Protein backbone atom coordinates (compact mmCIF):
# COMPACT_ATOMS: atom_id res chain seq x y z
CA MET A 1 10.04 -9.33 13.06
CA ILE A 2 14.35 -9.85 12.74
CA SER A 3 15.05 -6.20 14.08
CA LEU A 4 14.04 -2.91 14.12
CA THR A 5 15.91 0.50 14.17
CA ASN A 6 15.05 3.67 15.75
CA GLY A 7 16.86 6.56 14.83
CA GLY A 8 19.69 4.59 14.58
CA GLN A 9 19.11 3.26 18.04
CA ALA A 10 18.50 -0.64 17.92
CA ILE A 11 14.83 -1.07 19.54
CA ASP A 12 14.45 -4.85 21.40
CA HIS A 13 11.25 -5.88 19.52
CA GLU A 14 9.81 -7.68 21.79
CA THR A 15 8.88 -4.68 23.97
CA LEU A 16 6.57 -3.16 21.06
CA GLU A 17 2.81 -2.92 21.99
CA TRP A 18 0.76 -4.35 19.13
CA SER A 19 -2.83 -3.28 17.75
CA GLU A 20 -4.69 -5.84 16.23
CA LEU A 21 -4.21 -4.42 13.09
CA GLY A 22 -0.52 -4.32 13.31
CA PHE A 23 0.25 -0.40 14.34
CA ALA A 24 3.14 -1.11 16.74
CA ARG A 25 3.52 1.53 20.02
CA LEU A 26 6.92 1.72 21.84
CA PRO A 27 7.61 1.23 25.47
CA ALA A 28 6.72 3.84 27.24
CA GLY A 29 8.36 7.63 27.20
CA GLN A 30 10.02 6.42 23.71
CA LEU A 31 9.36 8.24 21.09
CA TRP A 32 9.31 7.62 17.10
CA THR A 33 11.52 9.12 14.52
CA ASP A 34 10.11 11.92 12.83
CA SER A 35 13.49 11.44 10.42
CA LEU A 36 12.84 10.14 7.23
CA ARG A 37 13.96 6.33 6.73
CA GLY A 38 14.85 6.83 10.22
CA VAL A 39 12.84 3.65 10.97
CA ARG A 40 13.98 0.37 9.86
CA ILE A 41 12.56 -2.87 9.63
CA THR A 42 13.95 -6.42 8.91
CA LEU A 43 11.55 -8.99 8.80
CA THR A 44 10.62 -12.36 6.81
CA HIS A 45 7.18 -13.19 5.77
CA GLY A 46 5.25 -16.17 4.59
CA TYR A 47 5.56 -16.20 1.13
CA GLU A 48 8.92 -16.93 -0.76
CA SER A 49 7.10 -14.59 -3.61
CA VAL A 50 4.39 -13.68 -4.62
CA PRO A 51 4.09 -13.03 -8.45
CA ILE A 52 0.50 -12.24 -8.92
CA VAL A 53 0.52 -9.20 -6.42
CA VAL A 54 3.77 -7.81 -8.31
CA GLU A 55 1.84 -8.44 -11.54
CA MET A 56 -1.32 -6.33 -10.04
CA ILE A 57 1.08 -3.13 -8.77
CA ARG A 58 2.32 -3.10 -12.92
CA GLU A 59 -1.31 -3.28 -14.21
CA MET A 60 -2.38 -0.14 -11.62
CA ALA A 61 0.79 1.83 -12.25
CA ALA A 62 -0.24 1.39 -16.25
CA ARG A 63 -3.55 2.51 -15.28
CA ALA A 64 -2.68 4.83 -13.24
CA GLU A 65 -0.15 6.60 -16.01
CA ALA A 66 -2.96 5.86 -18.95
CA SER A 67 -5.25 8.28 -17.13
CA PRO A 68 -3.58 10.84 -14.77
CA GLY A 69 -4.83 12.12 -11.85
CA GLY A 70 -7.95 9.46 -12.59
CA LEU A 71 -9.90 11.75 -14.98
CA VAL A 72 -13.33 10.49 -16.32
CA GLU A 73 -14.07 13.19 -18.65
CA ALA A 74 -11.73 16.65 -20.24
CA ARG A 75 -13.24 18.63 -21.87
CA ALA A 76 -12.23 22.40 -23.21
CA GLY A 77 -15.19 24.11 -25.11
CA ASP A 78 -17.03 22.23 -27.50
CA ILE A 79 -14.31 19.18 -27.47
CA SER A 80 -14.58 16.95 -24.61
CA GLU A 81 -13.06 13.34 -24.49
CA LYS A 82 -13.65 10.24 -22.01
CA ARG A 83 -11.76 7.87 -20.55
CA SER A 84 -12.87 4.33 -19.66
CA MET A 85 -13.69 3.63 -16.22
CA THR A 86 -12.07 1.58 -13.62
CA ALA A 87 -14.30 2.12 -11.06
CA PRO A 88 -17.93 4.22 -11.28
CA GLY A 89 -16.16 7.48 -11.59
CA VAL A 90 -12.64 6.77 -11.88
CA ALA A 91 -10.40 6.90 -14.76
CA GLY A 92 -7.32 4.74 -14.53
CA GLY A 93 -5.30 5.05 -10.48
CA ILE A 94 -4.78 2.85 -7.99
CA VAL A 95 -8.81 1.50 -7.62
CA LEU A 96 -8.53 -2.46 -6.66
CA MET A 97 -11.06 -3.38 -9.72
CA ALA A 98 -13.25 -6.29 -8.52
CA HIS A 99 -11.28 -9.47 -10.02
CA GLU A 100 -8.05 -7.98 -8.35
CA ARG A 101 -9.68 -8.20 -4.64
CA GLU A 102 -10.55 -12.14 -5.44
CA GLN A 103 -7.41 -12.81 -6.36
CA LEU A 104 -5.74 -10.59 -3.35
CA ASN A 105 -7.95 -12.89 -1.27
CA PRO A 106 -5.60 -15.51 0.00
CA TYR A 107 -3.31 -13.17 0.56
CA ARG A 108 -5.49 -10.98 3.08
CA ILE A 109 -5.13 -10.93 7.15
CA ARG A 110 -7.80 -12.69 8.80
CA GLY A 111 -9.53 -10.78 10.97
CA SER A 112 -9.56 -7.24 8.72
């Protein structure tokens, strides 16, 4: 982390408490802002680019668009429509498929 502002005030990121899963807590007596976009973080990460993740997000968005609401089956009287399922009981949507989970393994934070 390079910098952090909370409600427009700079916070020394070295004073944060961190959980094992990456949750951050401000020092005693300080609260996170409840303003939308009120917390701004500048950071660097370990990858210049991650094109496989970008492509995966595009594919998930296309699945979600193809099946709004994740409907598996729609019925009106004698007419029914079934959509192809991407996971048991799920059509479209943003569910990661098994091969996508496997592709993300190299980027997984160890211990999670």
